[in-house]
């Protein structure tokens, strides 16, 4: 159950997951990093035998004037407004139209683990699709950081491509402290640093299923020569460094 690196696998969410039903339960907004696009994040609870429990859909909000949201967002950031204040400005601008574009989807499920305080529950990322125009600009990292507004902990997937793992080796460290968790103890054993290694030199990734050519994308990052199927990486809401985005809708429990 841990970050073993793999070449590729069929968990990409290029379309909405097959399910018997879906229910919109939460919604929020972020300003996409570097592109300044106005992005809506809609969380759905899914039912069905093969459906993941939750799916988050990221859509670029359509605008009546091309690139107006991006330009206005940059101006407001330059004026010193917070992301939350900018989102409010964009929502009340009257410039939104219905031509939204899906730019990412993320699937996740509850994950239980033991901490010093006792049993904890977070969400483990189980699938992802990010439009190529956005994946290089840190959208996935920003979405995972936003999910800490809704959940106490976000956990990396059991198996990761090099791209997925690199989100954690660098990007998530900008969001907050990432702890390395060993399920065989169970307990936290180290704190992740850049390069895919812990402060105490624990290496939470292995590349035993990759050949040398496939490992070239991992670059100078560290790898374990032993299987890491007992290790996951966890980031907690209490350890994030700054606020991300704004929640605008929470479904009232039935």
C-alpha atoms as a PDB file:
ATOM      1  CA  UNK A   1       0.000   0.000   0.000  1.00  0.00           C
ATOM      2  CA  UNK A   2       2.614   2.541  -0.806  1.00  0.00           C
ATOM      3  CA  UNK A   3       4.433   4.672  -3.303  1.00  0.00           C
ATOM      4  CA  UNK A   4       6.139   2.156  -5.531  1.00  0.00           C
ATOM      5  CA  UNK A   5       6.919   3.873  -8.823  1.00  0.00           C
ATOM      6  CA  UNK A   6       5.364   2.376 -11.936  1.00  0.00           C
ATOM      7  CA  UNK A   7       5.531   3.206 -15.637  1.00  0.00           C
ATOM      8  CA  UNK A   8       1.810   3.751 -16.222  1.00  0.00           C
ATOM      9  CA  UNK A   9      -1.547   2.367 -15.236  1.00  0.00           C
ATOM     10  CA  UNK A  10      -5.224   2.641 -16.117  1.00  0.00           C
ATOM     11  CA  UNK A  11      -6.518   4.830 -13.312  1.00  0.00           C
ATOM     12  CA  UNK A  12      -6.515   8.075 -15.301  1.00  0.00           C
ATOM     13  CA  UNK A  13      -9.830   9.893 -15.110  1.00  0.00           C
ATOM     14  CA  UNK A  14     -10.075  11.165 -18.672  1.00  0.00           C
ATOM     15  CA  UNK A  15     -13.846  10.960 -18.250  1.00  0.00           C
ATOM     16  CA  UNK A  16     -16.176  11.047 -15.276  1.00  0.00           C
ATOM     17  CA  UNK A  17     -16.069   7.657 -13.486  1.00  0.00           C
ATOM     18  CA  UNK A  18     -18.768   5.123 -14.291  1.00  0.00           C
ATOM     19  CA  UNK A  19     -21.228   5.061 -11.404  1.00  0.00           C
ATOM     20  CA  UNK A  20     -24.867   4.359 -10.561  1.00  0.00           C
ATOM     21  CA  UNK A  21     -25.416   7.857  -9.186  1.00  0.00           C
ATOM     22  CA  UNK A  22     -23.542  11.007  -8.241  1.00  0.00           C
ATOM     23  CA  UNK A  23     -24.428  13.749  -5.780  1.00  0.00           C
ATOM     24  CA  UNK A  24     -22.793  17.185  -5.626  1.00  0.00           C
ATOM     25  CA  UNK A  25     -21.846  17.674  -1.988  1.00  0.00           C
ATOM     26  CA  UNK A  26     -19.320  20.534  -1.963  1.00  0.00           C
ATOM     27  CA  UNK A  27     -18.013  23.264  -4.191  1.00  0.00           C
ATOM     28  CA  UNK A  28     -15.239  25.807  -4.053  1.00  0.00           C
ATOM     29  CA  UNK A  29     -12.916  27.925  -6.177  1.00  0.00           C
ATOM     30  CA  UNK A  30      -9.202  28.494  -6.639  1.00  0.00           C
ATOM     31  CA  UNK A  31      -7.048  30.703  -8.820  1.00  0.00           C
ATOM     32  CA  UNK A  32      -4.866  28.321 -10.833  1.00  0.00           C
ATOM     33  CA  UNK A  33      -1.130  28.774 -10.206  1.00  0.00           C
ATOM     34  CA  UNK A  34       0.823  30.685 -12.865  1.00  0.00           C
ATOM     35  CA  UNK A  35      -2.053  30.709 -15.406  1.00  0.00           C
ATOM     36  CA  UNK A  36      -4.397  32.725 -13.105  1.00  0.00           C
ATOM     37  CA  UNK A  37      -7.396  30.835 -14.507  1.00  0.00           C
ATOM     38  CA  UNK A  38     -10.574  30.898 -12.423  1.00  0.00           C
ATOM     39  CA  UNK A  39     -11.228  27.271 -11.443  1.00  0.00           C
ATOM     40  CA  UNK A  40     -14.310  25.698  -9.864  1.00  0.00           C
ATOM     41  CA  UNK A  41     -13.829  22.535  -7.774  1.00  0.00           C
ATOM     42  CA  UNK A  42     -16.935  20.357  -7.501  1.00  0.00           C
ATOM     43  CA  UNK A  43     -16.932  17.305  -5.245  1.00  0.00           C
ATOM     44  CA  UNK A  44     -19.301  14.433  -5.972  1.00  0.00           C
ATOM     45  CA  UNK A  45     -20.181  11.432  -3.845  1.00  0.00           C
ATOM     46  CA  UNK A  46     -20.531   8.376  -6.087  1.00  0.00           C
ATOM     47  CA  UNK A  47     -22.356   5.088  -5.727  1.00  0.00           C
ATOM     48  CA  UNK A  48     -21.762   1.921  -7.703  1.00  0.00           C
ATOM     49  CA  UNK A  49     -19.858  -1.336  -7.477  1.00  0.00           C
ATOM     50  CA  UNK A  50     -16.736  -0.102  -9.280  1.00  0.00           C
ATOM     51  CA  UNK A  51     -17.030   3.610  -8.585  1.00  0.00           C
ATOM     52  CA  UNK A  52     -14.592   5.476  -6.332  1.00  0.00           C
ATOM     53  CA  UNK A  53     -16.392   6.966  -3.308  1.00  0.00           C
ATOM     54  CA  UNK A  54     -15.554  10.567  -4.261  1.00  0.00           C
ATOM     55  CA  UNK A  55     -14.646  12.460  -7.405  1.00  0.00           C
ATOM     56  CA  UNK A  56     -13.508  16.084  -7.600  1.00  0.00           C
ATOM     57  CA  UNK A  57     -13.994  17.821 -10.947  1.00  0.00           C
ATOM     58  CA  UNK A  58     -11.960  20.945 -11.728  1.00  0.00           C
ATOM     59  CA  UNK A  59     -13.417  23.212 -14.405  1.00  0.00           C
ATOM     60  CA  UNK A  60     -12.042  26.420 -15.853  1.00  0.00           C
ATOM     61  CA  UNK A  61     -14.864  28.910 -15.403  1.00  0.00           C
ATOM     62  CA  UNK A  62     -16.048  30.344 -18.703  1.00  0.00           C
ATOM     63  CA  UNK A  63     -15.901  34.097 -19.220  1.00  0.00           C
ATOM     64  CA  UNK A  64     -17.841  36.430 -21.509  1.00  0.00           C
ATOM     65  CA  UNK A  65     -14.584  38.118 -22.526  1.00  0.00           C
ATOM     66  CA  UNK A  66     -11.618  35.903 -23.361  1.00  0.00           C
ATOM     67  CA  UNK A  67      -8.876  35.901 -20.675  1.00  0.00           C
ATOM     68  CA  UNK A  68     -10.658  38.602 -18.645  1.00  0.00           C
ATOM     69  CA  UNK A  69     -10.591  36.472 -15.469  1.00  0.00           C
ATOM     70  CA  UNK A  70      -6.861  35.827 -15.870  1.00  0.00           C
ATOM     71  CA  UNK A  71      -6.004  39.477 -16.459  1.00  0.00           C
ATOM     72  CA  UNK A  72      -8.212  40.757 -13.644  1.00  0.00           C
ATOM     73  CA  UNK A  73      -6.875  38.137 -11.211  1.00  0.00           C
ATOM     74  CA  UNK A  74      -3.295  39.213 -11.898  1.00  0.00           C
ATOM     75  CA  UNK A  75      -4.224  42.861 -11.349  1.00  0.00           C
ATOM     76  CA  UNK A  76      -5.924  42.092  -8.043  1.00  0.00           C
ATOM     77  CA  UNK A  77      -2.978  39.998  -6.817  1.00  0.00           C
ATOM     78  CA  UNK A  78      -0.689  42.909  -7.715  1.00  0.00           C
ATOM     79  CA  UNK A  79      -2.937  45.181  -5.648  1.00  0.00           C
ATOM     80  CA  UNK A  80      -2.372  42.942  -2.622  1.00  0.00           C
ATOM     81  CA  UNK A  81      -5.750  41.215  -2.418  1.00  0.00           C
ATOM     82  CA  UNK A  82      -5.890  37.689  -0.984  1.00  0.00           C
ATOM     83  CA  UNK A  83      -6.991  34.755  -3.093  1.00  0.00           C
ATOM     84  CA  UNK A  84     -10.261  34.605  -1.160  1.00  0.00           C
ATOM     85  CA  UNK A  85     -10.955  38.302  -1.850  1.00  0.00           C
ATOM     86  CA  UNK A  86     -10.142  37.839  -5.537  1.00  0.00           C
ATOM     87  CA  UNK A  87     -12.522  34.889  -5.804  1.00  0.00           C
ATOM     88  CA  UNK A  88     -15.292  37.028  -4.308  1.00  0.00           C
ATOM     89  CA  UNK A  89     -14.552  39.745  -6.871  1.00  0.00           C
ATOM     90  CA  UNK A  90     -14.717  37.296  -9.761  1.00  0.00           C
ATOM     91  CA  UNK A  91     -17.909  35.657  -8.532  1.00  0.00           C
ATOM     92  CA  UNK A  92     -19.696  39.012  -8.354  1.00  0.00           C
ATOM     93  CA  UNK A  93     -18.263  40.386 -11.609  1.00  0.00           C
ATOM     94  CA  UNK A  94     -21.109  39.106 -13.775  1.00  0.00           C
ATOM     95  CA  UNK A  95     -18.581  37.914 -16.385  1.00  0.00           C
ATOM     96  CA  UNK A  96     -19.154  34.171 -15.967  1.00  0.00           C
ATOM     97  CA  UNK A  97     -20.822  32.264 -18.780  1.00  0.00           C
ATOM     98  CA  UNK A  98     -21.759  28.610 -19.185  1.00  0.00           C
ATOM     99  CA  UNK A  99     -18.810  27.538 -21.347  1.00  0.00           C
ATOM    100  CA  UNK A 100     -16.844  25.806 -18.592  1.00  0.00           C
ATOM    101  CA  UNK A 101     -14.005  23.447 -19.555  1.00  0.00           C
ATOM    102  CA  UNK A 102     -13.027  20.383 -17.498  1.00  0.00           C
ATOM    103  CA  UNK A 103      -9.285  20.594 -16.811  1.00  0.00           C
ATOM    104  CA  UNK A 104      -8.832  17.911 -14.131  1.00  0.00           C
ATOM    105  CA  UNK A 105     -10.507  15.119 -12.193  1.00  0.00           C
ATOM    106  CA  UNK A 106      -9.397  13.443  -8.968  1.00  0.00           C
ATOM    107  CA  UNK A 107     -10.790  10.329  -7.284  1.00  0.00           C
ATOM    108  CA  UNK A 108     -10.220   9.489  -3.618  1.00  0.00           C
ATOM    109  CA  UNK A 109     -11.404   7.307  -0.794  1.00  0.00           C
ATOM    110  CA  UNK A 110     -11.279   7.314   3.027  1.00  0.00           C
ATOM    111  CA  UNK A 111      -8.016   6.103   4.551  1.00  0.00           C
ATOM    112  CA  UNK A 112      -7.553   5.245   8.229  1.00  0.00           C
ATOM    113  CA  UNK A 113      -4.234   5.386  10.048  1.00  0.00           C
ATOM    114  CA  UNK A 114      -2.878   5.573  13.584  1.00  0.00           C
ATOM    115  CA  UNK A 115      -1.259   8.732  14.959  1.00  0.00           C
ATOM    116  CA  UNK A 116      -0.191   9.700  18.466  1.00  0.00           C
ATOM    117  CA  UNK A 117      -3.699  11.038  19.065  1.00  0.00           C
ATOM    118  CA  UNK A 118      -5.268   7.728  18.048  1.00  0.00           C
ATOM    119  CA  UNK A 119      -7.068   6.638  14.880  1.00  0.00           C
ATOM    120  CA  UNK A 120      -7.255   9.299  12.160  1.00  0.00           C
ATOM    121  CA  UNK A 121      -9.077   9.386   8.849  1.00  0.00           C
ATOM    122  CA  UNK A 122      -8.141  11.234   5.687  1.00  0.00           C
ATOM    123  CA  UNK A 123      -8.580  10.902   1.941  1.00  0.00           C
ATOM    124  CA  UNK A 124      -6.225   8.836  -0.203  1.00  0.00           C
ATOM    125  CA  UNK A 125      -5.815   9.935  -3.811  1.00  0.00           C
ATOM    126  CA  UNK A 126      -6.740   6.982  -6.032  1.00  0.00           C
ATOM    127  CA  UNK A 127      -6.844   8.478  -9.507  1.00  0.00           C
ATOM    128  CA  UNK A 128      -6.078  11.673 -11.365  1.00  0.00           C
ATOM    129  CA  UNK A 129      -6.379  13.383 -14.703  1.00  0.00           C
ATOM    130  CA  UNK A 130      -4.873  16.837 -15.313  1.00  0.00           C
ATOM    131  CA  UNK A 131      -5.016  18.599 -18.661  1.00  0.00           C
ATOM    132  CA  UNK A 132      -1.444  18.802 -20.046  1.00  0.00           C
ATOM    133  CA  UNK A 133      -1.756  22.589 -20.311  1.00  0.00           C
ATOM    134  CA  UNK A 134      -2.157  22.724 -16.517  1.00  0.00           C
ATOM    135  CA  UNK A 135      -0.166  19.800 -15.123  1.00  0.00           C
ATOM    136  CA  UNK A 136       3.168  21.580 -15.577  1.00  0.00           C
ATOM    137  CA  UNK A 137       1.961  24.568 -13.551  1.00  0.00           C
ATOM    138  CA  UNK A 138       1.217  22.783 -10.276  1.00  0.00           C
ATOM    139  CA  UNK A 139      -2.556  22.422 -10.505  1.00  0.00           C
ATOM    140  CA  UNK A 140      -2.602  19.003  -8.798  1.00  0.00           C
ATOM    141  CA  UNK A 141      -0.544  20.319  -5.877  1.00  0.00           C
ATOM    142  CA  UNK A 142      -2.927  23.243  -5.481  1.00  0.00           C
ATOM    143  CA  UNK A 143      -5.991  20.992  -5.581  1.00  0.00           C
ATOM    144  CA  UNK A 144      -4.521  18.663  -2.939  1.00  0.00           C
ATOM    145  CA  UNK A 145      -3.799  21.707  -0.791  1.00  0.00           C
ATOM    146  CA  UNK A 146      -7.356  22.935  -1.266  1.00  0.00           C
ATOM    147  CA  UNK A 147      -8.732  19.553  -0.167  1.00  0.00           C
ATOM    148  CA  UNK A 148      -7.159  20.226   3.237  1.00  0.00           C
ATOM    149  CA  UNK A 149      -9.952  22.788   3.656  1.00  0.00           C
ATOM    150  CA  UNK A 150     -12.378  19.863   3.670  1.00  0.00           C
ATOM    151  CA  UNK A 151     -10.342  16.982   5.113  1.00  0.00           C
ATOM    152  CA  UNK A 152      -7.851  16.689   7.955  1.00  0.00           C
ATOM    153  CA  UNK A 153      -5.373  14.620   5.966  1.00  0.00           C
ATOM    154  CA  UNK A 154      -4.516  13.895   2.308  1.00  0.00           C
ATOM    155  CA  UNK A 155      -2.590  10.695   1.548  1.00  0.00           C
ATOM    156  CA  UNK A 156      -0.636   9.691  -1.548  1.00  0.00           C
ATOM    157  CA  UNK A 157      -1.741   6.755  -3.679  1.00  0.00           C
ATOM    158  CA  UNK A 158      -0.628   3.147  -3.270  1.00  0.00           C
ATOM    159  CA  UNK A 159       1.255   3.265  -6.565  1.00  0.00           C
ATOM    160  CA  UNK A 160       2.429   6.335  -8.414  1.00  0.00           C
ATOM    161  CA  UNK A 161       3.872   7.288 -11.755  1.00  0.00           C
ATOM    162  CA  UNK A 162       7.029   9.380 -11.596  1.00  0.00           C
ATOM    163  CA  UNK A 163       4.924  12.462 -12.379  1.00  0.00           C
ATOM    164  CA  UNK A 164       2.544  11.702  -9.507  1.00  0.00           C
ATOM    165  CA  UNK A 165       5.379  11.052  -7.073  1.00  0.00           C
ATOM    166  CA  UNK A 166       7.174  14.265  -8.005  1.00  0.00           C
ATOM    167  CA  UNK A 167       4.091  16.223  -6.943  1.00  0.00           C
ATOM    168  CA  UNK A 168       4.953  15.051  -3.429  1.00  0.00           C
ATOM    169  CA  UNK A 169       8.754  15.245  -3.566  1.00  0.00           C
ATOM    170  CA  UNK A 170       8.613  18.975  -4.287  1.00  0.00           C
ATOM    171  CA  UNK A 171       5.159  20.467  -4.816  1.00  0.00           C
ATOM    172  CA  UNK A 172       3.488  19.264  -1.636  1.00  0.00           C
ATOM    173  CA  UNK A 173       6.441  20.473   0.422  1.00  0.00           C
ATOM    174  CA  UNK A 174       5.478  23.999  -0.629  1.00  0.00           C
ATOM    175  CA  UNK A 175       1.979  23.383   0.738  1.00  0.00           C
ATOM    176  CA  UNK A 176       3.107  22.137   4.150  1.00  0.00           C
ATOM    177  CA  UNK A 177       4.905  19.477   6.154  1.00  0.00           C
ATOM    178  CA  UNK A 178       4.667  15.988   4.653  1.00  0.00           C
ATOM    179  CA  UNK A 179       5.110  13.050   7.029  1.00  0.00           C
ATOM    180  CA  UNK A 180       6.232   9.547   6.082  1.00  0.00           C
ATOM    181  CA  UNK A 181       4.010   6.844   7.540  1.00  0.00           C
ATOM    182  CA  UNK A 182       4.884   3.177   7.949  1.00  0.00           C
ATOM    183  CA  UNK A 183       1.779   0.972   8.059  1.00  0.00           C
ATOM    184  CA  UNK A 184       3.734  -1.992   9.417  1.00  0.00           C
ATOM    185  CA  UNK A 185       4.404  -0.285  12.788  1.00  0.00           C
ATOM    186  CA  UNK A 186       1.991   1.567  12.455  1.00  0.00           C
ATOM    187  CA  UNK A 187       3.221   5.159  12.879  1.00  0.00           C
ATOM    188  CA  UNK A 188       5.065   8.150  11.446  1.00  0.00           C
ATOM    189  CA  UNK A 189       8.755   7.462  10.879  1.00  0.00           C
ATOM    190  CA  UNK A 190      10.151  10.600   9.199  1.00  0.00           C
ATOM    191  CA  UNK A 191       9.384  13.978   7.596  1.00  0.00           C
ATOM    192  CA  UNK A 192       9.824  14.298   3.839  1.00  0.00           C
ATOM    193  CA  UNK A 193      12.347  16.711   2.307  1.00  0.00           C
ATOM    194  CA  UNK A 194      13.119  17.575  -1.315  1.00  0.00           C
ATOM    195  CA  UNK A 195      14.676  14.778  -3.300  1.00  0.00           C
ATOM    196  CA  UNK A 196      12.339  12.021  -2.125  1.00  0.00           C
ATOM    197  CA  UNK A 197      14.098  11.419   1.186  1.00  0.00           C
ATOM    198  CA  UNK A 198      13.251  12.070   4.832  1.00  0.00           C
ATOM    199  CA  UNK A 199      15.158  14.174   7.350  1.00  0.00           C
ATOM    200  CA  UNK A 200      16.185  10.872   8.936  1.00  0.00           C
ATOM    201  CA  UNK A 201      17.253   9.465   5.546  1.00  0.00           C
ATOM    202  CA  UNK A 202      14.223   7.227   5.041  1.00  0.00           C
ATOM    203  CA  UNK A 203      13.506   6.725   1.356  1.00  0.00           C
ATOM    204  CA  UNK A 204       9.763   6.217   0.910  1.00  0.00           C
ATOM    205  CA  UNK A 205       9.772   5.328  -2.810  1.00  0.00           C
ATOM    206  CA  UNK A 206      11.097   2.330  -4.683  1.00  0.00           C
ATOM    207  CA  UNK A 207      11.429   1.918  -8.436  1.00  0.00           C
ATOM    208  CA  UNK A 208      11.690  -1.834  -8.578  1.00  0.00           C
ATOM    209  CA  UNK A 209       9.149  -2.088 -11.419  1.00  0.00           C
ATOM    210  CA  UNK A 210      10.902   0.479 -13.644  1.00  0.00           C
ATOM    211  CA  UNK A 211      13.837   0.057 -15.993  1.00  0.00           C
ATOM    212  CA  UNK A 212      16.721   2.504 -16.191  1.00  0.00           C
ATOM    213  CA  UNK A 213      15.215   4.465 -19.067  1.00  0.00           C
ATOM    214  CA  UNK A 214      11.953   4.916 -17.175  1.00  0.00           C
ATOM    215  CA  UNK A 215      13.828   6.013 -14.056  1.00  0.00           C
ATOM    216  CA  UNK A 216      15.552   8.840 -15.917  1.00  0.00           C
ATOM    217  CA  UNK A 217      12.575  11.122 -15.225  1.00  0.00           C
ATOM    218  CA  UNK A 218      13.110  10.605 -11.490  1.00  0.00           C
ATOM    219  CA  UNK A 219      16.371  12.527 -11.882  1.00  0.00           C
ATOM    220  CA  UNK A 220      18.454  13.103  -8.765  1.00  0.00           C
ATOM    221  CA  UNK A 221      15.694  12.035  -6.368  1.00  0.00           C
ATOM    222  CA  UNK A 222      16.419   9.146  -3.996  1.00  0.00           C
ATOM    223  CA  UNK A 223      14.966   5.650  -4.302  1.00  0.00           C
ATOM    224  CA  UNK A 224      14.902   2.730  -1.915  1.00  0.00           C
ATOM    225  CA  UNK A 225      16.407  -0.558  -3.080  1.00  0.00           C
ATOM    226  CA  UNK A 226      13.843  -2.425  -0.956  1.00  0.00           C
ATOM    227  CA  UNK A 227      10.064  -2.572  -1.581  1.00  0.00           C
ATOM    228  CA  UNK A 228       8.197   0.343  -0.006  1.00  0.00           C
ATOM    229  CA  UNK A 229       4.773  -1.260   0.000  1.00  0.00           C
ATOM    230  CA  UNK A 230       4.278  -0.424   3.681  1.00  0.00           C
ATOM    231  CA  UNK A 231       4.851   3.338   3.324  1.00  0.00           C
ATOM    232  CA  UNK A 232       2.615   6.278   2.397  1.00  0.00           C
ATOM    233  CA  UNK A 233       3.102  10.053   2.562  1.00  0.00           C
ATOM    234  CA  UNK A 234       0.587  12.151   4.487  1.00  0.00           C
ATOM    235  CA  UNK A 235       0.004  15.910   4.622  1.00  0.00           C
ATOM    236  CA  UNK A 236      -2.293  17.258   7.331  1.00  0.00           C
ATOM    237  CA  UNK A 237      -4.446  20.372   7.465  1.00  0.00           C
ATOM    238  CA  UNK A 238      -2.768  21.484  10.680  1.00  0.00           C
ATOM    239  CA  UNK A 239       0.601  21.519   8.866  1.00  0.00           C
ATOM    240  CA  UNK A 240      -0.318  23.547   5.785  1.00  0.00           C
ATOM    241  CA  UNK A 241       1.480  26.864   5.391  1.00  0.00           C
ATOM    242  CA  UNK A 242      -1.246  29.051   3.890  1.00  0.00           C
ATOM    243  CA  UNK A 243      -4.910  29.100   2.956  1.00  0.00           C
ATOM    244  CA  UNK A 244      -5.955  27.996  -0.524  1.00  0.00           C
ATOM    245  CA  UNK A 245      -9.159  28.862  -2.316  1.00  0.00           C
ATOM    246  CA  UNK A 246     -12.630  29.442  -0.966  1.00  0.00           C
ATOM    247  CA  UNK A 247     -15.542  27.084  -0.253  1.00  0.00           C
ATOM    248  CA  UNK A 248     -18.863  28.374  -1.593  1.00  0.00           C
ATOM    249  CA  UNK A 249     -21.226  25.430  -1.181  1.00  0.00           C
ATOM    250  CA  UNK A 250     -21.663  22.705   1.418  1.00  0.00           C
ATOM    251  CA  UNK A 251     -24.595  20.326   1.070  1.00  0.00           C
ATOM    252  CA  UNK A 252     -26.703  20.125   4.189  1.00  0.00           C
ATOM    253  CA  UNK A 253     -26.589  16.555   5.583  1.00  0.00           C
ATOM    254  CA  UNK A 254     -29.853  14.707   5.064  1.00  0.00           C
END
